[in-house]
Amino acid sequence: MRARFTSSVAIVAAVLIGMSGGPAVADPADDPTTTTATTVTTTPFTTPNTDNCPNSSSPPKAIDLSEVPAPGDPTPQPLPIPDEPVGGDELGDCGSVTPDGAPALPKEISATAWVLSDLDSGAVLAAKDPHGRYRPASTIKILLAIVALRELDLNRVVTGTIADSEVDGTRVGIGPGGRYTNLQLMQALVMASGNDAAHAIAAQLGGDEAAVRKMNDLAKSLGGMDTRTATPSGLDGPGMSSSAYDLALFFREAMRIPKFAELIHTEQVQFPGFPPDPRIPADKDHPAFTIGNDNQLLYNYDGALGGKTGYTDDARQTFVAGAERNGRRLGITLLKADVLPIRPWEQAARLLDYGFSLDRDASVGTLVEPEGKAGTTTTSRRQQSSGVTLAAPPVDATASRLPKSNDDDFGWAGPLVFVLLGVLVVLALLYWADSLNRRRNRH
């Protein structure tokens, strides 16, 4: 049975939709994030040990049949391991990596792999098994969001299909015949992790296979050498893998898109309903309903920017988020975590607190820049001692990615206008002086 995504907001949405006669979503009993109190363990908790690099080439063995190829399809082989660790030598370590002289890491972190980074400078502040390969679950929707925001018209209206409404996993509540703008689909994708929204978006990108291909091409162009997407939504599939480092790359790139930053910071929006389903006798109109953001860090952490949650039976808890304090923006990515001994967003909060406590020049590596994008260079204390320099982003990383306005086609006009105005002013002054001189001569 294919693993299913769940989220606490989907449960709230289910109640709201159910009250209004709308479609059902995931069962709360399937969601390990719905606990209302911190889970207490009966035995001492130990952070997973990855020192021996158990996942250097492939994720842990699947517990179900979600990654079995379809009949006739080949079994994907593990992605090649780069000769040099992407982002710097220290990020080739599989255990915990911290800057020289840094304090001890927070306790009670169940995430098997994580990366703490600076969203602006690109510095990796600390990490654990950063290039270990794991299943990303719904956090891979960040890649789909980038592709969609680059290619789709957010004002375009599309009609919901039966196929949208029948996808596996968590569904926001798209119904056949419903009319949705791409902006509303993006809200459903990013805020409520709707797999039905992912399906509707992928259809506009050429279908699931084409969308996956675009996501994989994007991952590679961003420097994500550990990532192979198998489904647009993040449902587990043959060959699926990513790493905490790659997700940090993807999140940083997404945060350069103002609309994405707005989406992950939005707490709730109204979502359209849909007409009666002709397949259901005496079905009635399904009214609009409210969807909420499923990232609890957004509501509970000072300075939270938002992020993306994920879960499948094989991936376990995955989490990507960012926060800002004193003009500094940090990102955190967690893979293969559990609601143990504290929830993933609480683990992220502790690691963000740790990052904000470090010196601004603390670093163990860097988030590489996308292909064809130049950056300035920065060095950490360890890099200075070893003579290694690593790329960091330019100050304004967003401007070069925004579409040019039509005014840019006439960039030559500005200077010419000023020259012509100057000539006219000079001629006017000469004419005035000549007139004044003639009047004086008459007297």
Protein backbone atom coordinates (compact mmCIF):
# COMPACT_ATOMS: atom_id res chain seq x y z
CA MET A 1 0.00 0.00 0.00
CA ARG A 2 1.38 3.39 -0.91
CA ALA A 3 2.35 5.52 2.08
CA ARG A 4 0.04 8.41 2.83
CA PHE A 5 0.79 12.02 3.71
CA THR A 6 -1.02 13.52 6.68
CA SER A 7 -0.97 16.84 8.48
CA SER A 8 -2.78 18.42 11.36
CA VAL A 9 -4.24 21.16 9.19
CA ALA A 10 -5.73 18.57 6.87
CA ILE A 11 -7.67 17.23 9.83
CA VAL A 12 -9.02 20.70 10.65
CA ALA A 13 -9.91 21.10 6.99
CA ALA A 14 -11.66 17.73 7.05
CA VAL A 15 -13.86 18.88 9.92
CA LEU A 16 -14.67 22.15 8.19
CA ILE A 17 -15.38 20.45 4.89
CA GLY A 18 -17.41 17.75 6.56
CA MET A 19 -19.56 20.36 8.29
CA SER A 20 -20.24 21.95 4.92
CA GLY A 21 -20.84 18.73 3.03
CA GLY A 22 -17.45 18.88 1.30
CA PRO A 23 -15.09 16.05 0.39
CA ALA A 24 -13.28 14.03 3.02
CA VAL A 25 -9.54 14.02 3.59
CA ALA A 26 -7.11 11.98 5.65
CA ASP A 27 -8.16 10.16 8.80
CA PRO A 28 -6.74 11.76 11.99
CA ALA A 29 -5.79 8.31 13.25
CA ASP A 30 -3.18 8.09 10.51
CA ASP A 31 -1.42 11.32 11.48
CA PRO A 32 1.47 11.05 13.97
CA THR A 33 1.69 14.86 14.21
CA THR A 34 -1.74 15.40 15.75
CA THR A 35 -0.69 14.85 19.34
CA THR A 36 -1.52 17.91 21.43
CA ALA A 37 1.20 17.37 24.01
CA THR A 38 4.89 16.62 23.81
CA THR A 39 5.46 12.88 23.62
CA VAL A 40 7.26 11.48 26.65
CA THR A 41 9.51 8.49 26.17
CA THR A 42 9.91 5.79 28.81
CA THR A 43 13.56 5.18 27.96
CA PRO A 44 16.36 7.73 27.54
CA PHE A 45 16.34 9.19 24.05
CA THR A 46 19.45 8.93 21.88
CA THR A 47 19.93 10.95 18.71
CA PRO A 48 20.31 8.55 15.73
CA ASN A 49 23.95 7.69 15.05
CA THR A 50 25.01 8.19 11.43
CA ASP A 51 28.79 8.24 11.93
CA ASN A 52 29.26 5.14 9.75
CA CYS A 53 27.38 6.71 6.81
CA PRO A 54 24.57 4.12 6.53
CA ASN A 55 22.70 6.22 3.95
CA SER A 56 25.54 7.61 1.87
CA SER A 57 24.16 6.20 -1.39
CA SER A 58 20.50 5.28 -0.78
CA PRO A 59 17.69 5.86 1.73
CA PRO A 60 16.93 3.19 4.34
CA LYS A 61 15.06 0.14 3.08
CA ALA A 62 11.38 0.76 2.43
CA ILE A 63 8.87 -0.85 4.77
CA ASP A 64 6.17 -1.21 2.09
CA LEU A 65 5.78 -1.69 -1.65
CA SER A 66 5.66 2.01 -2.58
CA GLU A 67 9.04 1.90 -4.33
CA VAL A 68 8.55 -1.30 -6.32
CA PRO A 69 8.78 -0.39 -10.04
CA ALA A 70 5.80 -1.02 -12.26
CA PRO A 71 5.96 -4.25 -14.29
CA GLY A 72 8.49 -3.82 -17.07
CA ASP A 73 10.12 -0.74 -15.54
CA PRO A 74 13.78 -0.96 -14.47
CA THR A 75 14.84 -0.57 -10.85
CA PRO A 76 16.54 2.84 -10.48
CA GLN A 77 20.15 2.60 -9.37
CA PRO A 78 21.51 4.89 -6.63
CA LEU A 79 22.60 8.32 -7.81
CA PRO A 80 26.38 8.72 -8.21
CA ILE A 81 28.21 10.12 -5.20
CA PRO A 82 30.20 13.25 -6.18
CA ASP A 83 33.97 12.94 -5.94
CA GLU A 84 34.05 16.02 -3.68
CA PRO A 85 31.33 16.83 -1.13
CA VAL A 86 29.07 19.55 -2.50
CA GLY A 87 29.44 22.63 -0.31
CA GLY A 88 32.83 21.86 1.23
CA ASP A 89 34.93 19.05 2.67
CA GLU A 90 33.42 19.19 6.14
CA LEU A 91 30.00 18.44 4.70
CA GLY A 92 31.35 15.06 3.60
CA ASP A 93 31.16 13.93 7.24
CA CYS A 94 28.17 11.77 8.14
CA GLY A 95 27.97 12.62 11.83
CA SER A 96 27.36 16.01 13.45
CA VAL A 97 29.42 18.90 12.10
CA THR A 98 29.76 22.16 14.05
CA PRO A 99 32.07 25.20 13.84
CA ASP A 100 35.23 25.34 15.97
CA GLY A 101 34.47 26.49 19.49
CA ALA A 102 30.70 26.18 19.03
CA PRO A 103 28.55 25.13 22.01
CA ALA A 104 27.08 21.66 22.29
CA LEU A 105 24.16 20.88 19.99
CA PRO A 106 20.60 20.88 21.38
CA LYS A 107 19.38 17.62 22.84
CA GLU A 108 16.25 15.65 21.98
CA ILE A 109 16.72 15.96 18.21
CA SER A 110 15.32 12.82 16.58
CA ALA A 111 15.96 13.93 13.01
CA THR A 112 18.47 11.52 11.49
CA ALA A 113 19.82 14.23 9.18
CA TRP A 114 19.56 18.02 9.27
CA VAL A 115 21.19 21.19 7.92
CA LEU A 116 21.15 24.63 9.55
CA SER A 117 22.00 27.41 7.10
CA ASP A 118 21.99 31.16 6.54
CA LEU A 119 19.46 31.98 3.82
CA ASP A 120 21.27 35.17 2.83
CA SER A 121 25.00 34.40 3.00
CA GLY A 122 24.58 30.74 2.08
CA ALA A 123 26.77 29.61 4.97
CA VAL A 124 26.04 26.20 6.47
CA LEU A 125 26.23 26.82 10.21
CA ALA A 126 25.99 23.22 11.41
CA ALA A 127 24.76 19.89 10.10
CA LYS A 128 24.24 16.21 10.71
CA ASP A 129 24.67 13.70 7.87
CA PRO A 130 24.07 16.57 5.41
CA HIS A 131 24.50 14.47 2.26
CA GLY A 132 22.90 11.31 3.62
CA ARG A 133 20.12 10.19 1.30
CA TYR A 134 16.59 9.99 2.63
CA ARG A 135 13.02 10.28 1.39
CA PRO A 136 11.79 13.89 1.34
CA ALA A 137 8.01 13.29 1.43
CA SER A 138 6.05 16.52 0.88
CA THR A 139 9.06 18.80 1.35
CA ILE A 140 9.90 18.00 -2.29
CA LYS A 141 6.83 20.08 -3.17
CA ILE A 142 9.23 23.02 -2.81
CA LEU A 143 10.76 21.97 -6.15
CA LEU A 144 7.32 21.72 -7.75
CA ALA A 145 6.44 25.15 -6.36
CA ILE A 146 9.56 26.72 -7.89
CA VAL A 147 8.82 25.19 -11.30
CA ALA A 148 5.17 26.25 -11.16
CA LEU A 149 5.90 29.80 -10.02
CA ARG A 150 8.36 30.19 -12.88
CA GLU A 151 6.13 28.73 -15.59
CA LEU A 152 2.44 29.16 -14.74
CA ASP A 153 0.13 32.17 -14.85
CA LEU A 154 -1.21 32.47 -11.31
CA ASN A 155 -4.38 34.18 -12.56
CA ARG A 156 -5.30 31.37 -14.93
CA VAL A 157 -8.44 29.44 -13.93
CA VAL A 158 -8.45 25.65 -14.24
CA THR A 159 -11.24 23.13 -13.68
CA GLY A 160 -10.89 20.35 -11.14
CA THR A 161 -11.03 16.78 -12.45
CA ILE A 162 -12.01 13.39 -11.10
CA ALA A 163 -8.33 12.40 -11.30
CA ASP A 164 -7.41 15.36 -9.06
CA SER A 165 -9.95 14.30 -6.46
CA GLU A 166 -8.81 10.68 -6.39
CA VAL A 167 -5.06 11.04 -5.87
CA ASP A 168 -3.42 9.17 -3.00
CA GLY A 169 -2.62 10.83 0.30
CA THR A 170 -3.69 14.13 1.78
CA ARG A 171 -6.12 16.14 -0.34
CA VAL A 172 -7.12 19.72 0.25
CA GLY A 173 -10.56 19.14 -1.32
CA ILE A 174 -10.46 19.83 -5.07
CA GLY A 175 -13.67 18.56 -6.67
CA PRO A 176 -14.69 17.72 -10.24
CA GLY A 177 -16.01 20.82 -11.94
CA GLY A 178 -14.60 23.21 -9.35
CA ARG A 179 -12.86 26.28 -10.70
CA TYR A 180 -9.54 27.28 -9.20
CA THR A 181 -6.92 29.88 -10.02
CA ASN A 182 -3.34 28.68 -10.08
CA LEU A 183 -2.73 30.95 -7.09
CA GLN A 184 -5.35 29.00 -5.14
CA LEU A 185 -3.74 25.73 -6.24
CA MET A 186 -0.38 27.02 -5.02
CA GLN A 187 -1.93 27.94 -1.68
CA ALA A 188 -3.33 24.42 -1.38
CA LEU A 189 0.03 22.93 -2.38
CA VAL A 190 2.27 24.92 -0.05
CA MET A 191 0.00 25.65 2.91
CA ALA A 192 -2.00 22.43 3.18
CA SER A 193 0.23 20.00 1.25
CA GLY A 194 -2.61 18.97 -1.05
CA ASN A 195 -1.64 16.11 -3.33
CA ASP A 196 -4.70 16.93 -5.41
CA ALA A 197 -3.26 20.42 -5.92
CA ALA A 198 0.07 18.88 -6.91
CA HIS A 199 -1.73 16.74 -9.49
CA ALA A 200 -3.61 19.74 -10.94
CA ILE A 201 -0.40 21.76 -11.15
CA ALA A 202 1.57 18.88 -12.70
CA ALA A 203 -1.13 18.48 -15.36
CA GLN A 204 -0.40 22.02 -16.53
CA LEU A 205 3.31 21.23 -16.69
CA GLY A 206 2.69 18.35 -19.10
CA GLY A 207 1.59 15.62 -16.67
CA ASP A 208 3.26 13.80 -13.81
CA GLU A 209 6.22 12.48 -15.80
CA ALA A 210 6.97 15.85 -17.38
CA ALA A 211 6.64 17.62 -14.02
CA VAL A 212 8.99 15.12 -12.36
CA ARG A 213 11.49 15.59 -15.17
CA LYS A 214 11.37 19.37 -14.72
CA MET A 215 11.78 19.00 -10.96
CA ASN A 216 14.82 16.76 -11.40
CA ASP A 217 16.36 19.12 -13.95
CA LEU A 218 15.84 21.99 -11.52
CA ALA A 219 17.36 20.04 -8.63
CA LYS A 220 20.48 19.35 -10.67
CA SER A 221 20.80 22.96 -11.83
CA LEU A 222 20.63 24.09 -8.20
CA GLY A 223 23.45 21.72 -7.20
CA GLY A 224 21.26 19.02 -5.65
CA MET A 225 23.26 15.89 -6.45
CA ASP A 226 21.47 13.70 -3.88
CA THR A 227 17.97 14.30 -5.22
CA ARG A 228 15.83 12.25 -7.55
CA THR A 229 12.12 12.99 -7.54
CA ALA A 230 9.74 10.13 -8.32
CA THR A 231 6.39 11.89 -7.90
CA PRO A 232 5.27 15.54 -8.07
CA SER A 233 3.69 15.38 -4.61
CA GLY A 234 6.48 13.60 -2.73
CA LEU A 235 4.67 10.28 -2.38
CA ASP A 236 7.32 7.57 -2.22
CA GLY A 237 8.22 5.99 -5.54
CA PRO A 238 11.06 4.06 -7.19
CA GLY A 239 14.40 5.83 -6.81
CA MET A 240 13.10 8.71 -4.66
CA SER A 241 15.80 10.39 -2.58
CA SER A 242 17.07 13.72 -1.35
CA SER A 243 19.28 15.06 1.42
CA ALA A 244 19.09 17.70 4.11
CA TYR A 245 21.70 19.67 2.17
CA ASP A 246 19.74 19.55 -1.09
CA LEU A 247 16.53 20.63 0.63
CA ALA A 248 18.43 23.59 2.07
CA LEU A 249 19.44 24.53 -1.48
CA PHE A 250 15.87 24.24 -2.72
CA PHE A 251 14.40 26.22 0.16
CA ARG A 252 16.91 29.02 -0.27
CA GLU A 253 16.12 29.23 -3.98
CA ALA A 254 12.38 29.23 -3.30
CA MET A 255 12.77 32.03 -0.75
CA ARG A 256 14.21 34.19 -3.51
CA ILE A 257 10.73 34.17 -5.07
CA PRO A 258 8.58 36.72 -3.21
CA LYS A 259 5.35 34.83 -3.92
CA PHE A 260 6.71 31.64 -2.36
CA ALA A 261 7.81 33.56 0.74
CA GLU A 262 4.31 35.01 0.92
CA LEU A 263 2.64 31.62 0.55
CA ILE A 264 4.55 29.90 3.34
CA HIS A 265 3.85 32.83 5.67
CA THR A 266 0.08 32.84 5.03
CA GLU A 267 -1.91 31.37 7.90
CA GLN A 268 -5.28 30.73 6.26
CA VAL A 269 -7.26 31.44 3.09
CA GLN A 270 -10.67 30.67 1.61
CA PHE A 271 -10.69 27.83 -0.91
CA PRO A 272 -13.39 27.40 -3.58
CA GLY A 273 -16.04 24.72 -3.41
CA PHE A 274 -17.33 22.71 -6.36
CA PRO A 275 -20.67 21.75 -7.91
CA PRO A 276 -22.58 18.50 -7.28
CA ASP A 277 -20.72 15.41 -8.40
CA PRO A 278 -22.80 13.80 -11.17
CA ARG A 279 -21.54 10.37 -10.11
CA ILE A 280 -23.22 10.74 -6.71
CA PRO A 281 -27.04 10.60 -6.65
CA ALA A 282 -28.67 13.68 -5.09
CA ASP A 283 -25.27 15.25 -4.44
CA LYS A 284 -25.40 18.95 -3.51
CA ASP A 285 -23.17 21.97 -4.03
CA HIS A 286 -19.96 21.88 -2.02
CA PRO A 287 -19.42 25.38 -0.61
CA ALA A 288 -16.12 27.18 -0.18
CA PHE A 289 -14.14 26.43 2.96
CA THR A 290 -11.09 27.62 4.87
CA ILE A 291 -7.67 26.01 4.62
CA GLY A 292 -4.90 26.71 7.11
CA ASN A 293 -1.12 26.48 7.10
CA ASP A 294 0.03 23.14 8.53
CA ASN A 295 3.42 24.41 9.74
CA GLN A 296 3.18 24.82 13.50
CA LEU A 297 6.48 26.69 13.67
CA LEU A 298 4.71 29.59 11.95
CA TYR A 299 2.34 29.99 14.90
CA ASN A 300 4.71 29.16 17.74
CA TYR A 301 8.16 30.57 16.94
CA ASP A 302 9.17 34.22 17.17
CA GLY A 303 10.26 35.44 13.75
CA ALA A 304 9.09 32.34 11.86
CA LEU A 305 8.98 32.80 8.09
CA GLY A 306 7.12 29.55 7.40
CA GLY A 307 8.16 26.38 5.63
CA LYS A 308 6.98 22.96 4.49
CA THR A 309 6.04 19.78 6.32
CA GLY A 310 6.07 16.20 5.08
CA TYR A 311 5.32 12.64 6.12
CA THR A 312 5.08 9.16 4.65
CA ASP A 313 5.41 5.79 6.36
CA ASP A 314 8.87 5.34 4.83
CA ALA A 315 10.13 8.92 5.01
CA ARG A 316 8.81 9.51 8.53
CA GLN A 317 8.66 13.18 9.53
CA THR A 318 10.36 15.68 7.22
CA PHE A 319 10.47 19.41 7.80
CA VAL A 320 11.80 22.58 6.16
CA ALA A 321 11.43 26.06 7.66
CA GLY A 322 13.00 29.47 8.12
CA ALA A 323 13.04 32.27 10.67
CA GLU A 324 14.39 35.81 10.98
CA ARG A 325 15.91 37.65 13.93
CA ASN A 326 17.83 40.91 14.02
CA GLY A 327 18.03 41.05 10.25
CA ARG A 328 19.39 37.52 9.96
CA ARG A 329 17.45 34.77 8.14
CA LEU A 330 18.20 31.12 8.89
CA GLY A 331 16.82 27.93 7.38
CA ILE A 332 16.53 24.44 8.87
CA THR A 333 15.86 21.14 7.10
CA LEU A 334 15.07 17.87 8.91
CA LEU A 335 14.88 14.37 7.42
CA LYS A 336 13.72 11.07 8.91
CA ALA A 337 12.54 12.56 12.18
CA ASP A 338 9.85 11.34 14.53
CA VAL A 339 7.42 12.83 17.03
CA LEU A 340 9.96 11.71 19.58
CA PRO A 341 10.81 13.00 22.12
CA ILE A 342 9.47 16.33 20.83
CA ARG A 343 7.66 17.23 17.64
CA PRO A 344 9.61 18.09 14.46
CA TRP A 345 8.75 21.79 14.55
CA GLU A 346 10.02 21.92 18.15
CA GLN A 347 13.26 20.25 17.05
CA ALA A 348 13.54 22.84 14.29
CA ALA A 349 12.96 25.61 16.84
CA ARG A 350 15.80 24.36 19.03
CA LEU A 351 18.20 24.16 16.10
CA LEU A 352 17.19 27.66 14.93
CA ASP A 353 17.83 29.01 18.45
CA TYR A 354 21.23 27.34 18.28
CA GLY A 355 21.96 28.96 14.92
CA PHE A 356 20.98 32.44 16.06
CA SER A 357 23.33 32.05 19.04
CA LEU A 358 26.37 31.42 16.80
CA ASP A 359 28.72 34.13 15.56
CA ARG A 360 27.70 35.50 12.20
CA ASP A 361 30.94 34.24 10.63
CA ALA A 362 30.50 30.69 11.95
CA SER A 363 30.44 28.16 9.11
CA VAL A 364 31.22 24.56 8.21
CA GLY A 365 30.48 24.90 4.50
CA THR A 366 28.25 26.68 2.05
CA LEU A 367 25.12 26.32 -0.04
CA VAL A 368 26.37 26.36 -3.62
CA GLU A 369 24.94 28.79 -6.13
CA PRO A 370 22.78 27.63 -9.07
CA GLU A 371 24.41 26.90 -12.42
CA GLY A 372 25.50 30.06 -14.18
CA LYS A 373 25.05 32.25 -11.11
CA ALA A 374 28.16 33.98 -9.78
CA GLY A 375 28.58 34.77 -6.10
CA THR A 376 30.95 36.51 -3.78
CA THR A 377 33.24 34.42 -1.61
CA THR A 378 33.29 34.03 2.13
CA THR A 379 35.44 31.89 4.35
CA SER A 380 34.91 30.43 7.78
CA ARG A 381 37.63 30.09 10.39
CA ARG A 382 38.26 26.48 9.34
CA GLN A 383 38.29 27.40 5.66
CA GLN A 384 40.76 30.22 6.29
CA SER A 385 43.16 27.84 8.00
CA SER A 386 42.94 25.35 5.13
CA GLY A 387 43.02 27.94 2.35
CA VAL A 388 39.60 26.88 0.98
CA THR A 389 37.19 29.52 -0.33
CA LEU A 390 33.54 28.84 -1.01
CA ALA A 391 30.87 30.66 -2.98
CA ALA A 392 28.21 32.76 -1.28
CA PRO A 393 25.30 34.64 -2.88
CA PRO A 394 25.31 38.23 -4.07
CA VAL A 395 23.52 40.79 -1.91
CA ASP A 396 20.48 41.06 -4.20
CA ALA A 397 19.68 37.53 -5.29
CA THR A 398 16.07 38.25 -6.23
CA ALA A 399 16.39 41.10 -8.71
CA SER A 400 18.07 39.02 -11.41
CA ARG A 401 15.25 36.44 -11.22
CA LEU A 402 12.33 38.83 -11.60
CA PRO A 403 10.86 39.11 -15.09
CA LYS A 404 11.81 42.30 -16.91
CA SER A 405 9.08 44.83 -17.45
CA ASN A 406 8.35 46.19 -20.90
CA ASP A 407 10.06 49.40 -19.83
CA ASP A 408 13.39 47.58 -19.92
CA ASP A 409 13.10 47.31 -23.70
CA PHE A 410 13.63 51.08 -23.81
CA GLY A 411 16.52 51.35 -21.42
CA TRP A 412 18.31 53.71 -23.88
CA ALA A 413 15.50 56.26 -23.68
CA GLY A 414 16.23 57.56 -20.19
CA PRO A 415 19.66 59.10 -20.90
CA LEU A 416 18.46 60.49 -24.26
CA VAL A 417 15.51 62.24 -22.64
CA PHE A 418 17.81 63.94 -20.14
CA VAL A 419 20.12 65.12 -22.95
CA LEU A 420 17.21 66.55 -24.95
CA LEU A 421 15.80 68.30 -21.90
CA GLY A 422 19.21 69.80 -21.21
CA VAL A 423 19.49 71.13 -24.78
CA LEU A 424 16.02 72.65 -24.59
CA VAL A 425 16.83 74.38 -21.29
CA VAL A 426 20.04 75.83 -22.75
CA LEU A 427 18.22 77.07 -25.87
CA ALA A 428 15.50 78.63 -23.72
CA LEU A 429 18.08 80.46 -21.61
CA LEU A 430 19.88 81.74 -24.72
CA TYR A 431 16.60 82.94 -26.22
CA TRP A 432 15.68 84.70 -22.96
CA ALA A 433 19.11 86.36 -22.74
CA ASP A 434 18.92 87.51 -26.36
CA SER A 435 15.45 88.99 -25.83
CA LEU A 436 16.59 90.81 -22.72
CA ASN A 437 19.59 92.23 -24.55
CA ARG A 438 17.41 93.51 -27.41
CA ARG A 439 15.07 95.26 -24.95
CA ARG A 440 18.01 96.99 -23.30
CA ASN A 441 19.38 98.15 -26.68
CA ARG A 442 16.01 99.78 -27.48
CA HIS A 443 16.35 101.97 -24.41
